Structure formats: C-alpha cells, structure tokens
C-alpha cells in the first residue's frame, strides 16, 4: 500500500466524471501540483501507474458557497480570525464545499476590519484550505428590510467607506448593499475598484435596481428574502433580478426561505446570461450539535431545520451545500447536471473565478467532490489534497 501523502502525482479513477458541462465515463483524472494535469481514457493509463480507485459514484467540481456565516459552532462575527475561518471551512468541507466566502453579517467597523485582515492572511498565505474571498453582507442595507441584521449597526455608505473597501487587497471581495441606500456613483466606484457588488436587504423599486445594474452591480443576495417583492405594477427587486440578465441570483434552497413552487417559477423566468446559484446562508449550527447561539446580542435557535430569532425571524439557515443540491434535484425538478452547476460552476462564474474553479479541466485547481448514488458526499479534495475516507491505492496490475 502506497503512502498517499507522499504521492505528488495522483491518478483518480473508478467514478463517473461530471466536468461542469456533462458526464464522462471511463475516464481518469491526473493531478499534479494541486491542479488537473490530464483527463484521459482509463484504458490509456500506463499499466505501471499507481492510482486511487474511487469505487464508483460521481466525481465533480467541488462546491462553491458564496454565503457562509458560520459552521462547526463558530459564527464569523464572533470569531473573525484565521482560526475561526479554519473551523468554518472544515465544517463545510464535509458537505462538499471546497471553496467558500466567509460572510460577515452587519457588525461594527472594528469587526469588519478584523475579518478583512483574517481573510487577507488566509488567502495570501493559503493557510486556510477552502477560503476563496470574503462576503460582507452589510452594513449598508435598508433598515426596513434588515431581517436578522441588527438595525442599530446598519448605516449609510460614505466616500471613506468606498476608499477603504477598494483598498483591502483582496482579490475577491463580495459586498451586499441596498441600492435604495447606496447611490449609483458609489456602486460604480466600488466596481471600478474591484469589488463585486450584490443587491439585497432592500425596498428598491425596479427602476432603482436597474440603475444599480447599469452602475455595475452583478448579483442579488438570497433572492426573494429581505427585498421588495414582485407585483403586477411594481416589479420591485425580485422583478429586477429576474428581468435583468446581467444579475446572478443566490438562492437558499431549503424549503423554509422560499417555497419550492416559487423557486421553480423563478428558474423558468430568469433572464440570462446571469443564472441562479445555490448558497447556504449557513449559521454555526451546520456541522455542530448545539442548537443555540447568539447574534449581535440576540438569541438564535435551530428547530425543525429552521434557524430563527426569538420572534420567529429567519436568521440564516441550517443548510449545507450537499442538502441544497439534493433539494434542487428532488424538489425543484432540476437535472443532476444543472443542480451540480448551480453548486459549483455558476457561483464560480458569478465571482469571476471560473478560470480556476467550477470545471474539471486541465489547468484548473483540483478542487473535487465525490458523491454517491444518493448525492451524499464521500470525499473531497482541495488543490489535490484529499479529506475524508481514504480511497484504496492500487496498481493497474492489482
């Protein structure tokens, strides 16, 4: 038995491949230096090659989650440091998430600075496998659509905020703002400074949403939740999200945040090229037995799959990405291919990371998830490094 930790070149076979576009049978994935070096017919391998037999299932691009508030008992707001990021990333990796954006819910400027510094360190030093960037959800939101965000911490955006946010040095910074609270000129400055702007927690009209899109806004945060709804004379944020093809829309597919029938209708209505993609909006309860935690001084409880404040307001979710994929297949009637794209390729495209993630392609980073026939996660790899149950290592002669 070879020592897999000492093997610098990996060959994976024995599973059906989903490469981001379609399925491939009888193929082997060759990994070198953390990247996919080749995808070749299994029969063409050197007979003396050492390989890992995955024993069936589907090998797909690892899931990418653009909205992760916590996991493993940690809330990013409460532990905005490298160790907190590591715990959260480890908790979500067991559910197939190989790339995530730690998400800071509206908080103080000091906490914001601390989490930016932590993500800078995690990404620059590559010290936390799976952390790809940062999502700041607030504090530049509409008080009328605050949801579980602390109203006392919501504030207006100023020029100094723009200067700070465009000078963090982060390659990928995702910022959720309310377009009825942040002027188009500020959105344009953010976008020109490299920030990916998403719209959410807002009472904006359709026209205000369109002005934000024209200024460069690219996404919508948890479509339908905490935003002006679609009606026949006032399309609102929901109407803008579906009508403007430039917008990519995150959805929380757990059956609690949005009714499945509404999501099915929205999927049919969404104008492209922007797509709808899966996010978890996960809280510390994911990967943790504890049912209670505190958010900005308020008690939050998990019960029957819902995570709420004491007044019943939804406060994030208890969802993981593998659950979201299964929900998309079972409840939304999507093909397996489309559900997997919504968990990997589409978020990568939204975030401008599809040159490195979201596909099984030569040159892409070897971030992979192995799923069984019930779409449960068996193993993951980040930059070719595996986690979970060890597959057998054998020779083609065995």
Protein backbone atom coordinates (compact mmCIF):
# COMPACT_ATOMS: atom_id res chain seq x y z
CA UNK A 1 0.00 0.00 0.00
CA UNK A 2 1.50 3.31 -1.09
CA UNK A 3 1.60 6.33 1.21
CA UNK A 4 -0.85 8.73 -0.48
CA UNK A 5 0.53 11.69 1.46
CA UNK A 6 3.91 11.15 -0.21
CA UNK A 7 2.49 10.86 -3.72
CA UNK A 8 2.97 14.17 -5.60
CA UNK A 9 1.07 12.88 -8.63
CA UNK A 10 -2.42 11.44 -8.15
CA UNK A 11 -4.49 9.47 -10.59
CA UNK A 12 -8.17 9.12 -9.71
CA UNK A 13 -10.45 6.69 -11.49
CA UNK A 14 -13.36 4.40 -10.84
CA UNK A 15 -16.02 7.14 -10.71
CA UNK A 16 -18.12 8.76 -13.38
CA UNK A 17 -16.93 12.31 -14.06
CA UNK A 18 -19.04 15.43 -14.23
CA UNK A 19 -16.76 18.05 -15.76
CA UNK A 20 -19.06 21.07 -15.30
CA UNK A 21 -20.80 20.60 -18.63
CA UNK A 22 -21.62 16.92 -18.90
CA UNK A 23 -20.83 13.40 -17.76
CA UNK A 24 -17.83 11.35 -18.87
CA UNK A 25 -17.43 7.61 -18.39
CA UNK A 26 -14.30 5.51 -18.06
CA UNK A 27 -12.00 8.48 -17.55
CA UNK A 28 -9.12 9.10 -15.18
CA UNK A 29 -8.16 12.44 -13.63
CA UNK A 30 -4.45 13.08 -13.31
CA UNK A 31 -3.50 15.63 -10.66
CA UNK A 32 -0.09 17.28 -10.38
CA UNK A 33 0.96 20.20 -8.18
CA UNK A 34 -2.59 20.70 -7.00
CA UNK A 35 -4.04 21.13 -10.49
CA UNK A 36 -5.67 18.91 -13.07
CA UNK A 37 -2.93 17.86 -15.46
CA UNK A 38 -4.90 15.47 -17.67
CA UNK A 39 -8.27 13.82 -18.12
CA UNK A 40 -7.70 10.67 -20.12
CA UNK A 41 -9.43 7.39 -21.01
CA UNK A 42 -8.75 4.93 -18.21
CA UNK A 43 -7.54 2.31 -20.71
CA UNK A 44 -4.76 4.64 -21.86
CA UNK A 45 -3.03 4.77 -18.47
CA UNK A 46 0.44 3.35 -18.08
CA UNK A 47 -0.03 -0.22 -16.81
CA UNK A 48 2.50 0.51 -14.05
CA UNK A 49 0.78 3.67 -12.86
CA UNK A 50 -0.33 3.99 -9.27
CA UNK A 51 -3.93 5.11 -8.97
CA UNK A 52 -6.69 5.63 -6.43
CA UNK A 53 -9.79 3.57 -7.11
CA UNK A 54 -12.74 5.70 -6.07
CA UNK A 55 -15.09 2.73 -6.12
CA UNK A 56 -17.96 4.31 -8.03
CA UNK A 57 -20.05 7.43 -7.60
CA UNK A 58 -19.67 10.77 -9.36
CA UNK A 59 -16.55 12.93 -9.23
CA UNK A 60 -17.49 16.59 -9.77
CA UNK A 61 -16.09 20.08 -9.26
CA UNK A 62 -16.13 20.96 -5.57
CA UNK A 63 -18.99 23.12 -4.35
CA UNK A 64 -18.51 26.88 -4.01
CA UNK A 65 -20.61 28.70 -1.40
CA UNK A 66 -20.70 32.50 -1.63
CA UNK A 67 -22.57 33.00 1.66
CA UNK A 68 -21.37 31.21 4.79
CA UNK A 69 -22.00 32.98 8.10
CA UNK A 70 -20.70 30.12 10.20
CA UNK A 71 -20.36 26.43 10.83
CA UNK A 72 -18.87 23.96 13.27
CA UNK A 73 -20.17 26.03 16.18
CA UNK A 74 -18.44 29.25 15.03
CA UNK A 75 -20.12 32.45 13.86
CA UNK A 76 -17.79 34.60 11.76
CA UNK A 77 -18.97 37.72 13.59
CA UNK A 78 -17.90 36.23 16.93
CA UNK A 79 -14.57 34.80 15.79
CA UNK A 80 -13.33 36.97 12.90
CA UNK A 81 -9.84 35.47 12.88
CA UNK A 82 -7.90 32.83 10.97
CA UNK A 83 -8.77 30.04 13.39
CA UNK A 84 -12.46 30.89 13.13
CA UNK A 85 -12.22 30.74 9.34
CA UNK A 86 -10.47 27.38 9.58
CA UNK A 87 -13.18 25.86 11.77
CA UNK A 88 -15.96 27.10 9.49
CA UNK A 89 -14.22 25.89 6.31
CA UNK A 90 -13.54 22.48 7.86
CA UNK A 91 -17.16 22.11 8.93
CA UNK A 92 -18.50 22.81 5.44
CA UNK A 93 -15.90 20.71 3.63
CA UNK A 94 -17.52 17.52 4.88
CA UNK A 95 -20.60 18.54 2.88
CA UNK A 96 -18.69 19.00 -0.37
CA UNK A 97 -17.84 22.71 -0.12
CA UNK A 98 -14.24 23.11 -1.26
CA UNK A 99 -14.45 26.87 -1.75
CA UNK A 100 -16.35 29.37 0.33
CA UNK A 101 -16.75 33.03 1.15
CA UNK A 102 -16.89 33.61 4.92
CA UNK A 103 -19.73 36.08 5.37
CA UNK A 104 -19.84 38.85 7.93
CA UNK A 105 -23.33 39.87 8.92
CA UNK A 106 -23.72 43.60 9.67
CA UNK A 107 -21.40 44.49 12.56
CA UNK A 108 -19.12 47.22 13.87
CA UNK A 109 -16.30 48.77 11.81
CA UNK A 110 -13.79 47.10 14.14
CA UNK A 111 -15.18 43.62 13.47
CA UNK A 112 -15.23 44.35 9.75
CA UNK A 113 -11.55 45.34 9.82
CA UNK A 114 -10.66 42.21 11.77
CA UNK A 115 -12.36 39.81 9.37
CA UNK A 116 -10.82 41.55 6.35
CA UNK A 117 -7.37 41.12 7.89
CA UNK A 118 -8.09 37.46 8.69
CA UNK A 119 -9.22 36.69 5.14
CA UNK A 120 -6.23 38.57 3.74
CA UNK A 121 -3.95 36.30 5.76
CA UNK A 122 -5.90 33.13 4.90
CA UNK A 123 -5.85 33.82 1.17
CA UNK A 124 -2.38 35.35 0.85
CA UNK A 125 -0.65 32.61 2.80
CA UNK A 126 -3.08 29.92 1.59
CA UNK A 127 -3.28 28.96 5.26
CA UNK A 128 -6.97 28.02 5.34
CA UNK A 129 -7.90 25.49 2.65
CA UNK A 130 -11.16 26.46 1.00
CA UNK A 131 -11.32 30.20 1.76
CA UNK A 132 -11.54 32.00 -1.60
CA UNK A 133 -12.57 35.50 -0.58
CA UNK A 134 -14.85 37.48 1.72
CA UNK A 135 -18.53 38.41 1.66
CA UNK A 136 -19.58 41.48 3.62
CA UNK A 137 -23.37 41.38 3.97
CA UNK A 138 -23.94 44.92 5.16
CA UNK A 139 -23.84 47.26 6.96
CA UNK A 140 -25.07 49.39 4.02
CA UNK A 141 -28.61 48.00 3.98
CA UNK A 142 -32.18 49.28 4.21
CA UNK A 143 -33.44 49.31 7.82
CA UNK A 144 -36.92 48.43 6.56
CA UNK A 145 -35.56 45.13 5.19
CA UNK A 146 -33.00 44.35 7.84
CA UNK A 147 -34.20 40.79 8.50
CA UNK A 148 -31.98 39.38 11.26
CA UNK A 149 -29.39 42.15 10.91
CA UNK A 150 -29.04 44.48 13.90
CA UNK A 151 -30.78 47.70 12.93
CA UNK A 152 -28.56 49.80 15.18
CA UNK A 153 -25.48 48.76 13.21
CA UNK A 154 -26.88 49.50 9.74
CA UNK A 155 -25.50 52.76 8.37
CA UNK A 156 -25.11 54.85 5.24
CA UNK A 157 -22.12 54.44 2.95
CA UNK A 158 -19.71 57.35 2.60
CA UNK A 159 -16.73 58.12 0.40
CA UNK A 160 -14.35 56.92 3.11
CA UNK A 161 -16.08 53.52 3.13
CA UNK A 162 -15.58 53.21 -0.62
CA UNK A 163 -11.91 54.11 -0.31
CA UNK A 164 -11.42 51.51 2.40
CA UNK A 165 -13.31 48.73 0.63
CA UNK A 166 -11.44 49.25 -2.64
CA UNK A 167 -8.05 49.14 -0.91
CA UNK A 168 -8.29 45.85 1.04
CA UNK A 169 -6.02 43.97 -1.37
CA UNK A 170 -8.45 41.05 -1.50
CA UNK A 171 -8.64 39.51 -4.95
CA UNK A 172 -12.33 38.76 -4.47
CA UNK A 173 -14.48 40.87 -2.17
CA UNK A 174 -18.23 40.43 -2.39
CA UNK A 175 -20.32 43.22 -0.87
CA UNK A 176 -24.09 43.18 -0.38
CA UNK A 177 -25.64 46.64 -0.42
CA UNK A 178 -29.17 48.03 -0.66
CA UNK A 179 -29.43 50.03 -3.89
CA UNK A 180 -32.03 52.34 -2.36
CA UNK A 181 -29.39 53.30 0.24
CA UNK A 182 -26.21 53.42 -1.89
CA UNK A 183 -26.06 55.80 -4.84
CA UNK A 184 -25.11 54.51 -8.31
CA UNK A 185 -21.98 56.70 -8.32
CA UNK A 186 -20.71 54.84 -5.23
CA UNK A 187 -21.59 51.47 -6.76
CA UNK A 188 -19.58 52.41 -9.86
CA UNK A 189 -16.59 53.37 -7.74
CA UNK A 190 -16.79 50.08 -5.85
CA UNK A 191 -16.97 48.06 -9.06
CA UNK A 192 -14.15 50.03 -10.67
CA UNK A 193 -12.12 49.29 -7.54
CA UNK A 194 -12.56 45.53 -7.95
CA UNK A 195 -15.45 44.90 -5.55
CA UNK A 196 -18.23 42.52 -6.66
CA UNK A 197 -21.48 44.26 -5.73
CA UNK A 198 -24.61 42.27 -4.88
CA UNK A 199 -28.01 43.76 -4.12
CA UNK A 200 -30.06 42.76 -1.11
CA UNK A 201 -31.91 43.75 2.06
CA UNK A 202 -33.66 46.50 0.17
CA UNK A 203 -37.03 48.07 -0.66
CA UNK A 204 -35.70 49.29 -4.00
CA UNK A 205 -38.02 49.77 -6.94
CA UNK A 206 -37.40 48.08 -10.26
CA UNK A 207 -36.04 51.36 -11.63
CA UNK A 208 -33.56 51.73 -8.75
CA UNK A 209 -32.39 48.15 -9.28
CA UNK A 210 -31.84 48.86 -12.98
CA UNK A 211 -29.79 51.97 -12.12
CA UNK A 212 -27.61 49.85 -9.82
CA UNK A 213 -27.12 47.25 -12.56
CA UNK A 214 -26.18 49.98 -15.02
CA UNK A 215 -23.62 51.15 -12.44
CA UNK A 216 -22.07 47.67 -12.36
CA UNK A 217 -23.93 45.64 -9.72
CA UNK A 218 -23.59 41.97 -10.59
CA UNK A 219 -25.63 39.88 -8.16
CA UNK A 220 -28.65 39.54 -5.90
CA UNK A 221 -28.29 38.19 -2.36
CA UNK A 222 -30.72 35.40 -1.38
CA UNK A 223 -33.39 36.13 -3.99
CA UNK A 224 -36.88 36.78 -2.54
CA UNK A 225 -35.67 37.14 1.04
CA UNK A 226 -35.48 40.62 2.61
CA UNK A 227 -36.38 42.52 -0.55
CA UNK A 228 -39.27 44.27 -2.29
CA UNK A 229 -41.44 41.60 -3.91
CA UNK A 230 -42.72 41.17 -7.45
CA UNK A 231 -46.19 42.55 -8.11
CA UNK A 232 -48.05 43.27 -11.33
CA UNK A 233 -47.49 47.05 -11.34
CA UNK A 234 -44.36 47.26 -9.22
CA UNK A 235 -41.75 44.63 -10.23
CA UNK A 236 -39.54 45.51 -7.24
CA UNK A 237 -36.18 43.92 -6.59
CA UNK A 238 -37.45 40.45 -7.42
CA UNK A 239 -38.69 41.63 -10.81
CA UNK A 240 -35.41 43.39 -11.47
CA UNK A 241 -33.43 40.32 -10.51
CA UNK A 242 -35.37 38.10 -12.90
CA UNK A 243 -35.59 40.61 -15.74
CA UNK A 244 -32.03 41.93 -15.85
CA UNK A 245 -29.88 39.25 -17.41
CA UNK A 246 -26.68 40.76 -16.01
CA UNK A 247 -27.66 39.72 -12.49
CA UNK A 248 -26.71 36.41 -10.89
CA UNK A 249 -29.03 35.35 -8.07
CA UNK A 250 -28.16 33.33 -4.98
CA UNK A 251 -30.99 31.20 -3.61
CA UNK A 252 -31.39 29.42 -0.28
CA UNK A 253 -32.93 26.10 -1.35
CA UNK A 254 -34.06 24.66 1.96
CA UNK A 255 -37.85 24.81 1.71
CA UNK A 256 -38.04 27.36 4.54
CA UNK A 257 -36.77 30.55 2.94
CA UNK A 258 -38.69 30.24 -0.34
CA UNK A 259 -41.47 27.87 -1.38
CA UNK A 260 -40.28 25.33 -3.97
CA UNK A 261 -43.05 26.37 -6.39
CA UNK A 262 -41.78 29.95 -6.31
CA UNK A 263 -38.21 28.83 -7.00
CA UNK A 264 -39.38 26.64 -9.87
CA UNK A 265 -41.24 29.60 -11.39
CA UNK A 266 -38.22 31.87 -10.90
CA UNK A 267 -35.89 29.39 -12.57
CA UNK A 268 -38.13 29.39 -15.62
CA UNK A 269 -38.36 33.19 -15.64
CA UNK A 270 -34.72 34.15 -15.08
CA UNK A 271 -33.19 36.10 -17.95
CA UNK A 272 -29.61 35.20 -18.85
CA UNK A 273 -26.70 35.12 -19.10
CA UNK A 274 -26.85 35.51 -15.32
CA UNK A 275 -28.04 32.39 -13.53
CA UNK A 276 -29.47 31.34 -10.21
CA UNK A 277 -26.99 29.54 -7.97
CA UNK A 278 -27.09 27.80 -4.61
CA UNK A 279 -25.95 29.38 -1.35
CA UNK A 280 -26.43 28.11 2.18
CA UNK A 281 -26.51 31.32 4.28
CA UNK A 282 -25.31 28.82 6.89
CA UNK A 283 -25.09 29.55 10.59
CA UNK A 284 -22.90 27.91 13.29
CA UNK A 285 -25.35 25.01 13.66
CA UNK A 286 -24.12 23.40 10.41
CA UNK A 287 -21.77 20.60 11.42
CA UNK A 288 -22.49 21.23 15.10
CA UNK A 289 -24.78 19.61 17.67
CA UNK A 290 -25.55 22.85 19.51
CA UNK A 291 -28.97 24.30 18.70
CA UNK A 292 -28.47 27.81 20.12
CA UNK A 293 -26.08 30.69 19.54
CA UNK A 294 -26.03 34.48 19.87
CA UNK A 295 -26.09 37.01 17.01
CA UNK A 296 -25.36 40.65 17.91
CA UNK A 297 -26.58 40.00 21.45
CA UNK A 298 -29.79 38.21 20.40
CA UNK A 299 -30.58 34.55 20.96
CA UNK A 300 -30.92 32.35 17.86
CA UNK A 301 -32.30 28.82 17.91
CA UNK A 302 -32.38 25.89 15.49
CA UNK A 303 -35.63 23.92 15.42
CA UNK A 304 -37.08 21.62 12.75
CA UNK A 305 -34.50 22.72 10.19
CA UNK A 306 -35.17 26.45 10.73
CA UNK A 307 -32.82 28.95 12.38
CA UNK A 308 -34.67 31.91 13.88
CA UNK A 309 -34.55 34.77 16.33
CA UNK A 310 -36.90 34.52 19.30
CA UNK A 311 -39.56 36.49 17.39
CA UNK A 312 -39.54 33.93 14.58
CA UNK A 313 -37.47 35.96 12.10
CA UNK A 314 -35.32 33.69 9.94
CA UNK A 315 -31.67 34.19 10.87
CA UNK A 316 -29.66 32.38 8.23
CA UNK A 317 -30.06 28.65 7.75
CA UNK A 318 -29.08 25.18 8.88
CA UNK A 319 -28.38 24.22 5.26
CA UNK A 320 -25.28 22.66 3.74
CA UNK A 321 -24.46 22.57 0.04
CA UNK A 322 -25.00 18.83 -0.39
CA UNK A 323 -28.50 19.26 1.05
CA UNK A 324 -29.10 22.15 -1.33
CA UNK A 325 -28.06 20.02 -4.31
CA UNK A 326 -30.40 17.23 -3.26
CA UNK A 327 -33.23 19.75 -2.77
CA UNK A 328 -32.62 21.15 -6.26
CA UNK A 329 -32.90 17.67 -7.73
CA UNK A 330 -35.78 16.35 -5.62
CA UNK A 331 -37.91 19.46 -5.04
CA UNK A 332 -37.08 21.79 -7.92
CA UNK A 333 -37.07 19.08 -10.58
CA UNK A 334 -33.66 20.04 -11.94
CA UNK A 335 -31.37 17.65 -13.74
CA UNK A 336 -28.37 16.43 -11.80
CA UNK A 337 -26.13 18.32 -14.21
CA UNK A 338 -27.92 21.63 -13.58
CA UNK A 339 -28.02 21.12 -9.80
CA UNK A 340 -24.27 20.48 -9.77
CA UNK A 341 -23.62 23.54 -11.93
CA UNK A 342 -25.67 25.65 -9.50
CA UNK A 343 -23.39 24.47 -6.71
CA UNK A 344 -20.07 24.99 -8.46
CA UNK A 345 -19.85 26.44 -11.96
CA UNK A 346 -22.44 29.22 -11.62
CA UNK A 347 -21.07 30.65 -8.36
CA UNK A 348 -17.57 30.47 -9.88
CA UNK A 349 -18.78 32.41 -12.92
CA UNK A 350 -20.60 34.97 -10.78
CA UNK A 351 -17.46 35.58 -8.73
CA UNK A 352 -15.14 35.65 -11.74
CA UNK A 353 -13.32 32.51 -10.62
CA UNK A 354 -14.26 30.13 -13.42
CA UNK A 355 -10.77 30.35 -14.91
CA UNK A 356 -9.64 28.24 -11.92
CA UNK A 357 -12.74 26.65 -10.41
CA UNK A 358 -16.10 25.18 -11.37
CA UNK A 359 -14.88 22.79 -14.07
CA UNK A 360 -12.86 19.61 -14.25
CA UNK A 361 -10.46 20.92 -16.87
CA UNK A 362 -6.75 20.79 -17.49
CA UNK A 363 -5.15 23.69 -15.62
CA UNK A 364 -7.98 24.17 -13.13
CA UNK A 365 -7.29 23.66 -9.44
CA UNK A 366 -8.08 20.13 -8.34
CA UNK A 367 -10.99 21.02 -6.05
CA UNK A 368 -13.22 17.98 -6.26
CA UNK A 369 -16.13 16.26 -4.56
CA UNK A 370 -17.00 12.57 -4.77
CA UNK A 371 -20.72 11.85 -4.43
CA UNK A 372 -22.51 8.53 -4.07
CA UNK A 373 -25.66 7.46 -5.88
CA UNK A 374 -27.82 9.31 -3.32
CA UNK A 375 -25.77 12.51 -3.74
CA UNK A 376 -24.20 12.20 -0.34
CA UNK A 377 -20.59 13.37 -0.03
CA UNK A 378 -17.99 10.61 0.20
CA UNK A 379 -14.73 12.57 -0.17
CA UNK A 380 -13.33 15.96 -1.12
CA UNK A 381 -10.06 17.31 -2.45
CA UNK A 382 -8.74 20.87 -2.24
CA UNK A 383 -5.79 21.55 -4.54
CA UNK A 384 -5.44 17.79 -4.90
CA UNK A 385 -5.30 17.19 -1.15
CA UNK A 386 -7.92 14.70 -0.08
CA UNK A 387 -10.04 14.65 3.05
CA UNK A 388 -12.45 12.08 4.41
CA UNK A 389 -12.38 8.37 3.81
CA UNK A 390 -9.21 7.25 2.13
CA UNK A 391 -9.71 5.55 -1.19
CA UNK A 392 -7.74 2.45 -1.92
CA UNK A 393 -4.41 2.97 -3.66
CA UNK A 394 -3.58 0.27 -6.10
CA UNK A 395 -1.67 -0.51 -9.24
CA UNK A 396 -3.27 -1.37 -12.50
CA UNK A 397 -1.66 -4.80 -12.08
CA UNK A 398 -3.66 -5.45 -8.88
